[in-house]
Amino acid sequence: MPRTTEEYKKYQREYRAKRRKIDFEFAEVERQKSREWKNDNRDQIREYDRTTYWTLRFKVLEKLGNKCSKCPVDDFRVLQIDHINGGGHKELKKLQTTGILRKILNHPNLQLEYQLLCVNCNWIKRWENKEYGSYRVH
């Protein structure tokens, strides 16, 4: 153990350098283990993600009423979650699909921002509100 202040500071620098090296090596080993586990368990991860997505989607559809807001369609295969005020593409890029579903499930004023629309009604709304993005419409 160092006896003077200078010796102590030198000891601290050396200790910190050793600690950083050990921490870096440990982190690298853990990253490698994680990569290997993900490669070995791809099917399990994919199945978990798929199950999670559909569970969240059905909960959201139920919370939003399980039918189109503009017509009587109630087939879950054609229902889409619509942002009433637009901006869905930006939110999708930011939160990704399951993030949006979780946000909707925890949203207090759901009817002010989201609605269920069938594919046809959603495209009609997009056309009427000129929400068709940067591609050209003739």
N, C-alpha and C. Protein backbone atom coordinates (compact mmCIF):
# COMPACT_ATOMS: atom_id res chain seq x y z
N MET A 1 0.86 -1.19 0.00
CA MET A 1 0.00 0.00 0.00
C MET A 1 0.89 1.24 0.00
N PRO A 2 0.61 2.21 -0.88
CA PRO A 2 1.43 3.42 -0.97
C PRO A 2 1.33 4.26 0.30
N ARG A 3 2.41 4.99 0.55
CA ARG A 3 2.46 5.79 1.77
C ARG A 3 2.32 7.28 1.51
N THR A 4 2.72 7.75 0.35
CA THR A 4 2.62 9.19 0.07
C THR A 4 1.48 9.43 -0.91
N THR A 5 1.15 10.70 -1.04
CA THR A 5 0.06 11.08 -1.94
C THR A 5 0.40 10.75 -3.38
N GLU A 6 1.64 11.01 -3.79
CA GLU A 6 2.05 10.70 -5.16
C GLU A 6 2.00 9.21 -5.42
N GLU A 7 2.47 8.42 -4.48
CA GLU A 7 2.43 6.97 -4.64
C GLU A 7 0.98 6.48 -4.72
N TYR A 8 0.14 7.10 -3.91
CA TYR A 8 -1.28 6.71 -3.91
C TYR A 8 -1.94 7.04 -5.25
N LYS A 9 -1.63 8.23 -5.80
CA LYS A 9 -2.20 8.62 -7.09
C LYS A 9 -1.71 7.68 -8.20
N LYS A 10 -0.42 7.30 -8.14
CA LYS A 10 0.13 6.37 -9.12
C LYS A 10 -0.57 5.01 -8.99
N TYR A 11 -0.75 4.57 -7.76
CA TYR A 11 -1.43 3.31 -7.50
C TYR A 11 -2.86 3.35 -8.06
N GLN A 12 -3.57 4.47 -7.84
CA GLN A 12 -4.94 4.62 -8.35
C GLN A 12 -4.98 4.55 -9.88
N ARG A 13 -4.04 5.26 -10.54
CA ARG A 13 -4.00 5.23 -12.01
C ARG A 13 -3.79 3.82 -12.52
N GLU A 14 -2.83 3.11 -11.91
CA GLU A 14 -2.54 1.75 -12.33
C GLU A 14 -3.74 0.83 -12.10
N TYR A 15 -4.36 0.99 -10.94
CA TYR A 15 -5.52 0.17 -10.60
C TYR A 15 -6.66 0.42 -11.59
N ARG A 16 -6.92 1.68 -11.90
CA ARG A 16 -8.00 2.02 -12.84
C ARG A 16 -7.71 1.48 -14.23
N ALA A 17 -6.44 1.55 -14.65
CA ALA A 17 -6.08 1.02 -15.97
C ALA A 17 -6.32 -0.48 -16.01
N LYS A 18 -5.90 -1.21 -14.96
CA LYS A 18 -6.13 -2.65 -14.90
C LYS A 18 -7.62 -2.95 -14.90
N ARG A 19 -8.37 -2.16 -14.12
CA ARG A 19 -9.81 -2.39 -14.00
C ARG A 19 -10.51 -2.17 -15.35
N ARG A 20 -10.13 -1.11 -16.08
CA ARG A 20 -10.71 -0.85 -17.40
C ARG A 20 -10.44 -2.00 -18.35
N LYS A 21 -9.20 -2.51 -18.31
CA LYS A 21 -8.85 -3.63 -19.18
C LYS A 21 -9.68 -4.86 -18.83
N ILE A 22 -9.81 -5.15 -17.56
CA ILE A 22 -10.59 -6.30 -17.12
C ILE A 22 -12.06 -6.13 -17.51
N ASP A 23 -12.60 -4.93 -17.26
CA ASP A 23 -14.01 -4.66 -17.60
C ASP A 23 -14.24 -4.79 -19.10
N PHE A 24 -13.31 -4.27 -19.91
CA PHE A 24 -13.45 -4.35 -21.36
C PHE A 24 -13.43 -5.80 -21.81
N GLU A 25 -12.50 -6.57 -21.29
CA GLU A 25 -12.41 -7.99 -21.66
C GLU A 25 -13.67 -8.75 -21.24
N PHE A 26 -14.17 -8.45 -20.04
CA PHE A 26 -15.39 -9.11 -19.56
C PHE A 26 -16.57 -8.76 -20.46
N ALA A 27 -16.70 -7.46 -20.81
CA ALA A 27 -17.80 -7.03 -21.67
C ALA A 27 -17.71 -7.72 -23.03
N GLU A 28 -16.50 -7.85 -23.55
CA GLU A 28 -16.32 -8.50 -24.84
C GLU A 28 -16.73 -9.97 -24.78
N VAL A 29 -16.36 -10.66 -23.71
CA VAL A 29 -16.74 -12.06 -23.53
C VAL A 29 -18.25 -12.18 -23.43
N GLU A 30 -18.89 -11.29 -22.69
CA GLU A 30 -20.36 -11.33 -22.55
C GLU A 30 -21.06 -11.06 -23.87
N ARG A 31 -20.54 -10.10 -24.66
CA ARG A 31 -21.12 -9.83 -25.98
C ARG A 31 -21.02 -11.06 -26.88
N GLN A 32 -19.87 -11.72 -26.82
CA GLN A 32 -19.68 -12.93 -27.63
C GLN A 32 -20.65 -14.03 -27.20
N LYS A 33 -20.83 -14.20 -25.90
CA LYS A 33 -21.78 -15.20 -25.40
C LYS A 33 -23.20 -14.88 -25.88
N SER A 34 -23.54 -13.59 -25.83
CA SER A 34 -24.87 -13.16 -26.27
C SER A 34 -25.07 -13.45 -27.76
N ARG A 35 -24.07 -13.14 -28.58
CA ARG A 35 -24.16 -13.42 -30.01
C ARG A 35 -24.35 -14.91 -30.26
N GLU A 36 -23.56 -15.72 -29.56
CA GLU A 36 -23.66 -17.17 -29.74
C GLU A 36 -25.03 -17.69 -29.32
N TRP A 37 -25.55 -17.18 -28.21
CA TRP A 37 -26.86 -17.63 -27.74
C TRP A 37 -27.93 -17.25 -28.76
N LYS A 38 -27.85 -16.02 -29.28
CA LYS A 38 -28.84 -15.59 -30.29
C LYS A 38 -28.76 -16.45 -31.54
N ASN A 39 -27.55 -16.79 -31.98
CA ASN A 39 -27.39 -17.64 -33.15
C ASN A 39 -27.92 -19.04 -32.90
N ASP A 40 -27.71 -19.56 -31.71
CA ASP A 40 -28.16 -20.92 -31.37
C ASP A 40 -29.67 -21.00 -31.16
N ASN A 41 -30.30 -19.88 -30.84
CA ASN A 41 -31.72 -19.88 -30.47
C ASN A 41 -32.58 -19.00 -31.37
N ARG A 42 -32.20 -18.88 -32.62
CA ARG A 42 -32.94 -18.01 -33.55
C ARG A 42 -34.42 -18.37 -33.65
N ASP A 43 -34.71 -19.64 -33.78
CA ASP A 43 -36.11 -20.07 -33.92
C ASP A 43 -36.93 -19.73 -32.68
N GLN A 44 -36.33 -19.95 -31.52
CA GLN A 44 -37.01 -19.64 -30.26
C GLN A 44 -37.27 -18.14 -30.14
N ILE A 45 -36.30 -17.33 -30.51
CA ILE A 45 -36.45 -15.87 -30.45
C ILE A 45 -37.53 -15.43 -31.44
N ARG A 46 -37.49 -15.98 -32.65
CA ARG A 46 -38.47 -15.62 -33.68
C ARG A 46 -39.89 -15.98 -33.23
N GLU A 47 -40.04 -17.16 -32.63
CA GLU A 47 -41.36 -17.59 -32.14
C GLU A 47 -41.85 -16.69 -31.01
N TYR A 48 -40.94 -16.32 -30.10
CA TYR A 48 -41.31 -15.42 -29.00
C TYR A 48 -41.76 -14.07 -29.55
N ASP A 49 -41.00 -13.53 -30.51
CA ASP A 49 -41.35 -12.23 -31.10
C ASP A 49 -42.71 -12.31 -31.79
N ARG A 50 -42.96 -13.38 -32.53
CA ARG A 50 -44.22 -13.54 -33.24
C ARG A 50 -45.39 -13.63 -32.26
N THR A 51 -45.21 -14.43 -31.21
CA THR A 51 -46.26 -14.60 -30.21
C THR A 51 -46.54 -13.27 -29.50
N THR A 52 -45.48 -12.57 -29.14
CA THR A 52 -45.63 -11.27 -28.47
C THR A 52 -46.39 -10.29 -29.36
N TYR A 53 -46.00 -10.23 -30.64
CA TYR A 53 -46.66 -9.31 -31.57
C TYR A 53 -48.15 -9.58 -31.66
N TRP A 54 -48.54 -10.83 -31.89
CA TRP A 54 -49.96 -11.14 -32.07
C TRP A 54 -50.74 -10.96 -30.77
N THR A 55 -50.13 -11.26 -29.64
CA THR A 55 -50.81 -11.04 -28.35
C THR A 55 -51.10 -9.56 -28.17
N LEU A 56 -50.08 -8.72 -28.41
CA LEU A 56 -50.27 -7.27 -28.27
C LEU A 56 -51.29 -6.75 -29.28
N ARG A 57 -51.20 -7.23 -30.52
CA ARG A 57 -52.12 -6.75 -31.56
C ARG A 57 -53.58 -7.06 -31.21
N PHE A 58 -53.85 -8.28 -30.75
CA PHE A 58 -55.24 -8.63 -30.39
C PHE A 58 -55.73 -7.81 -29.20
N LYS A 59 -54.85 -7.52 -28.24
CA LYS A 59 -55.25 -6.67 -27.10
C LYS A 59 -55.58 -5.27 -27.58
N VAL A 60 -54.78 -4.73 -28.49
CA VAL A 60 -55.03 -3.39 -29.03
C VAL A 60 -56.32 -3.36 -29.83
N LEU A 61 -56.53 -4.36 -30.68
CA LEU A 61 -57.77 -4.41 -31.46
C LEU A 61 -58.99 -4.45 -30.54
N GLU A 62 -58.89 -5.23 -29.47
CA GLU A 62 -59.99 -5.31 -28.52
C GLU A 62 -60.22 -3.97 -27.84
N LYS A 63 -59.14 -3.30 -27.47
CA LYS A 63 -59.26 -2.01 -26.79
C LYS A 63 -59.85 -0.94 -27.70
N LEU A 64 -59.57 -1.06 -29.02
CA LEU A 64 -60.08 -0.08 -29.97
C LEU A 64 -61.45 -0.45 -30.54
N GLY A 65 -62.02 -1.56 -30.12
CA GLY A 65 -63.39 -1.88 -30.50
C GLY A 65 -63.56 -3.02 -31.47
N ASN A 66 -62.51 -3.60 -32.00
CA ASN A 66 -62.57 -4.76 -32.89
C ASN A 66 -63.36 -4.56 -34.17
N LYS A 67 -63.57 -3.31 -34.60
CA LYS A 67 -64.21 -3.09 -35.90
C LYS A 67 -63.82 -1.74 -36.45
N CYS A 68 -63.98 -1.59 -37.73
CA CYS A 68 -63.63 -0.34 -38.41
C CYS A 68 -64.48 0.81 -37.87
N SER A 69 -63.87 1.97 -37.70
CA SER A 69 -64.59 3.14 -37.19
C SER A 69 -65.56 3.74 -38.20
N LYS A 70 -65.40 3.44 -39.49
CA LYS A 70 -66.22 4.06 -40.51
C LYS A 70 -67.20 3.10 -41.18
N CYS A 71 -66.91 1.80 -41.14
CA CYS A 71 -67.81 0.82 -41.77
C CYS A 71 -67.92 -0.41 -40.85
N PRO A 72 -68.80 -1.34 -41.15
CA PRO A 72 -69.03 -2.46 -40.22
C PRO A 72 -68.01 -3.62 -40.31
N VAL A 73 -66.88 -3.45 -40.99
CA VAL A 73 -65.91 -4.54 -41.13
C VAL A 73 -65.30 -4.86 -39.76
N ASP A 74 -65.27 -6.17 -39.44
CA ASP A 74 -64.68 -6.58 -38.16
C ASP A 74 -63.68 -7.73 -38.31
N ASP A 75 -63.18 -7.94 -39.51
CA ASP A 75 -62.20 -8.99 -39.77
C ASP A 75 -60.81 -8.49 -39.37
N PHE A 76 -60.20 -9.15 -38.39
CA PHE A 76 -58.92 -8.68 -37.85
C PHE A 76 -57.82 -8.66 -38.91
N ARG A 77 -57.98 -9.44 -39.97
CA ARG A 77 -56.94 -9.50 -41.00
C ARG A 77 -56.86 -8.22 -41.82
N VAL A 78 -57.93 -7.42 -41.87
CA VAL A 78 -57.91 -6.21 -42.68
C VAL A 78 -57.96 -4.94 -41.84
N LEU A 79 -58.01 -5.07 -40.52
CA LEU A 79 -58.05 -3.89 -39.67
C LEU A 79 -56.65 -3.32 -39.47
N GLN A 80 -56.57 -1.99 -39.55
CA GLN A 80 -55.30 -1.30 -39.36
C GLN A 80 -55.47 -0.24 -38.28
N ILE A 81 -54.40 0.00 -37.54
CA ILE A 81 -54.42 1.04 -36.51
C ILE A 81 -54.04 2.34 -37.20
N ASP A 82 -54.92 3.34 -37.08
CA ASP A 82 -54.72 4.62 -37.77
C ASP A 82 -54.47 5.72 -36.75
N HIS A 83 -53.52 6.59 -37.06
CA HIS A 83 -53.29 7.79 -36.25
C HIS A 83 -54.25 8.85 -36.77
N ILE A 84 -55.15 9.28 -35.97
CA ILE A 84 -56.20 10.21 -36.40
C ILE A 84 -55.60 11.48 -36.98
N ASN A 85 -54.57 12.01 -36.36
CA ASN A 85 -53.96 13.27 -36.80
C ASN A 85 -52.73 13.05 -37.68
N GLY A 86 -52.53 11.85 -38.20
CA GLY A 86 -51.37 11.57 -39.04
C GLY A 86 -50.11 11.35 -38.20
N GLY A 87 -48.97 11.23 -38.86
CA GLY A 87 -47.70 11.05 -38.17
C GLY A 87 -47.37 9.62 -37.80
N GLY A 88 -48.09 8.67 -38.37
CA GLY A 88 -47.88 7.27 -38.03
C GLY A 88 -46.55 6.73 -38.53
N HIS A 89 -46.10 7.20 -39.69
CA HIS A 89 -44.84 6.71 -40.25
C HIS A 89 -43.66 7.12 -39.37
N LYS A 90 -43.67 8.36 -38.90
CA LYS A 90 -42.59 8.82 -38.01
C LYS A 90 -42.58 8.03 -36.72
N GLU A 91 -43.75 7.78 -36.17
CA GLU A 91 -43.84 7.02 -34.93
C GLU A 91 -43.39 5.57 -35.14
N LEU A 92 -43.72 5.01 -36.29
CA LEU A 92 -43.30 3.64 -36.60
C LEU A 92 -41.78 3.54 -36.68
N LYS A 93 -41.15 4.52 -37.32
CA LYS A 93 -39.69 4.51 -37.41
C LYS A 93 -39.05 4.67 -36.03
N LYS A 94 -39.68 5.44 -35.18
CA LYS A 94 -39.12 5.71 -33.86
C LYS A 94 -39.33 4.54 -32.89
N LEU A 95 -40.56 4.02 -32.81
CA LEU A 95 -40.90 3.02 -31.80
C LEU A 95 -40.93 1.58 -32.31
N GLN A 96 -41.02 1.39 -33.60
CA GLN A 96 -41.22 0.08 -34.21
C GLN A 96 -42.61 -0.46 -33.84
N THR A 97 -42.99 -1.54 -34.44
CA THR A 97 -44.37 -2.03 -34.34
C THR A 97 -44.79 -2.37 -32.91
N THR A 98 -44.02 -3.20 -32.21
CA THR A 98 -44.44 -3.59 -30.87
C THR A 98 -44.39 -2.41 -29.91
N GLY A 99 -43.50 -1.46 -30.16
CA GLY A 99 -43.45 -0.26 -29.32
C GLY A 99 -44.73 0.55 -29.44
N ILE A 100 -45.23 0.67 -30.67
CA ILE A 100 -46.49 1.39 -30.89
C ILE A 100 -47.64 0.66 -30.20
N LEU A 101 -47.67 -0.67 -30.34
CA LEU A 101 -48.74 -1.44 -29.71
C LEU A 101 -48.72 -1.27 -28.19
N ARG A 102 -47.52 -1.30 -27.60
CA ARG A 102 -47.42 -1.10 -26.14
C ARG A 102 -47.85 0.31 -25.75
N LYS A 103 -47.48 1.29 -26.56
CA LYS A 103 -47.88 2.68 -26.28
C LYS A 103 -49.41 2.81 -26.31
N ILE A 104 -50.03 2.19 -27.29
CA ILE A 104 -51.49 2.26 -27.39
C ILE A 104 -52.14 1.60 -26.18
N LEU A 105 -51.61 0.46 -25.76
CA LEU A 105 -52.19 -0.24 -24.60
C LEU A 105 -52.11 0.60 -23.34
N ASN A 106 -51.07 1.41 -23.22
CA ASN A 106 -50.88 2.22 -22.01
C ASN A 106 -51.36 3.66 -22.18
N HIS A 107 -51.98 3.97 -23.31
CA HIS A 107 -52.38 5.34 -23.62
C HIS A 107 -53.67 5.71 -22.91
N PRO A 108 -53.69 6.85 -22.18
CA PRO A 108 -54.91 7.22 -21.44
C PRO A 108 -56.03 7.75 -22.34
N ASN A 109 -55.73 8.59 -23.32
CA ASN A 109 -56.75 9.19 -24.20
C ASN A 109 -56.69 8.54 -25.57
N LEU A 110 -57.01 7.29 -25.62
CA LEU A 110 -56.85 6.49 -26.81
C LEU A 110 -57.69 7.00 -27.99
N GLN A 111 -58.94 7.37 -27.74
CA GLN A 111 -59.84 7.76 -28.82
C GLN A 111 -59.45 9.09 -29.46
N LEU A 112 -58.59 9.87 -28.81
CA LEU A 112 -58.18 11.15 -29.38
C LEU A 112 -57.06 10.99 -30.41
N GLU A 113 -56.31 9.89 -30.35
CA GLU A 113 -55.16 9.74 -31.24
C GLU A 113 -55.23 8.55 -32.18
N TYR A 114 -55.92 7.48 -31.78
CA TYR A 114 -55.91 6.26 -32.58
C TYR A 114 -57.32 5.79 -32.88
N GLN A 115 -57.46 5.12 -34.02
CA GLN A 115 -58.73 4.50 -34.39
C GLN A 115 -58.42 3.28 -35.25
N LEU A 116 -59.39 2.37 -35.32
CA LEU A 116 -59.26 1.21 -36.20
C LEU A 116 -59.98 1.52 -37.51
N LEU A 117 -59.29 1.26 -38.61
CA LEU A 117 -59.89 1.40 -39.92
C LEU A 117 -59.57 0.16 -40.74
N CYS A 118 -60.50 -0.22 -41.60
CA CYS A 118 -60.18 -1.31 -42.53
C CYS A 118 -59.24 -0.73 -43.59
N VAL A 119 -58.67 -1.60 -44.38
CA VAL A 119 -57.69 -1.16 -45.37
C VAL A 119 -58.29 -0.13 -46.32
N ASN A 120 -59.50 -0.38 -46.82
CA ASN A 120 -60.11 0.56 -47.76
C ASN A 120 -60.37 1.92 -47.14
N CYS A 121 -60.94 1.94 -45.95
CA CYS A 121 -61.24 3.22 -45.29
C CYS A 121 -59.95 3.97 -44.97
N ASN A 122 -58.90 3.23 -44.59
CA ASN A 122 -57.63 3.87 -44.27
C ASN A 122 -57.03 4.53 -45.51
N TRP A 123 -57.07 3.84 -46.66
CA TRP A 123 -56.53 4.43 -47.88
C TRP A 123 -57.37 5.62 -48.35
N ILE A 124 -58.68 5.53 -48.19
CA ILE A 124 -59.54 6.67 -48.56
C ILE A 124 -59.20 7.87 -47.68
N LYS A 125 -59.02 7.65 -46.38
CA LYS A 125 -58.67 8.74 -45.46
C LYS A 125 -57.32 9.34 -45.84
N ARG A 126 -56.35 8.47 -46.16
CA ARG A 126 -55.03 8.96 -46.54
C ARG A 126 -55.13 9.81 -47.81
N TRP A 127 -55.94 9.38 -48.75
CA TRP A 127 -56.09 10.14 -49.99
C TRP A 127 -56.74 11.49 -49.73
N GLU A 128 -57.83 11.48 -48.95
CA GLU A 128 -58.55 12.72 -48.67
C GLU A 128 -57.70 13.71 -47.88
N ASN A 129 -56.87 13.21 -46.96
CA ASN A 129 -56.03 14.09 -46.14
C ASN A 129 -54.64 14.32 -46.73
N LYS A 130 -54.42 13.81 -47.93
CA LYS A 130 -53.13 13.92 -48.61
C LYS A 130 -51.98 13.42 -47.73
N GLU A 131 -52.18 12.23 -47.17
CA GLU A 131 -51.17 11.61 -46.32
C GLU A 131 -50.39 10.54 -47.07
N TYR A 132 -50.26 10.68 -48.37
CA TYR A 132 -49.66 9.62 -49.15
C TYR A 132 -48.15 9.78 -49.30
N GLY A 133 -47.52 10.61 -48.52
CA GLY A 133 -46.06 10.67 -48.47
C GLY A 133 -45.44 11.37 -49.65
N SER A 134 -44.20 11.00 -49.93
CA SER A 134 -43.41 11.72 -50.94
C SER A 134 -43.57 11.15 -52.34
N TYR A 135 -44.24 10.00 -52.49
CA TYR A 135 -44.36 9.48 -53.83
C TYR A 135 -45.43 10.23 -54.58
N ARG A 136 -45.32 10.23 -55.87
CA ARG A 136 -46.17 11.06 -56.72
C ARG A 136 -47.52 10.39 -56.99
N VAL A 137 -48.55 11.18 -56.90
CA VAL A 137 -49.90 10.70 -57.21
C VAL A 137 -50.40 11.48 -58.43
N HIS A 138 -50.85 10.77 -59.46
CA HIS A 138 -51.32 11.42 -60.68
C HIS A 138 -52.79 11.68 -60.62
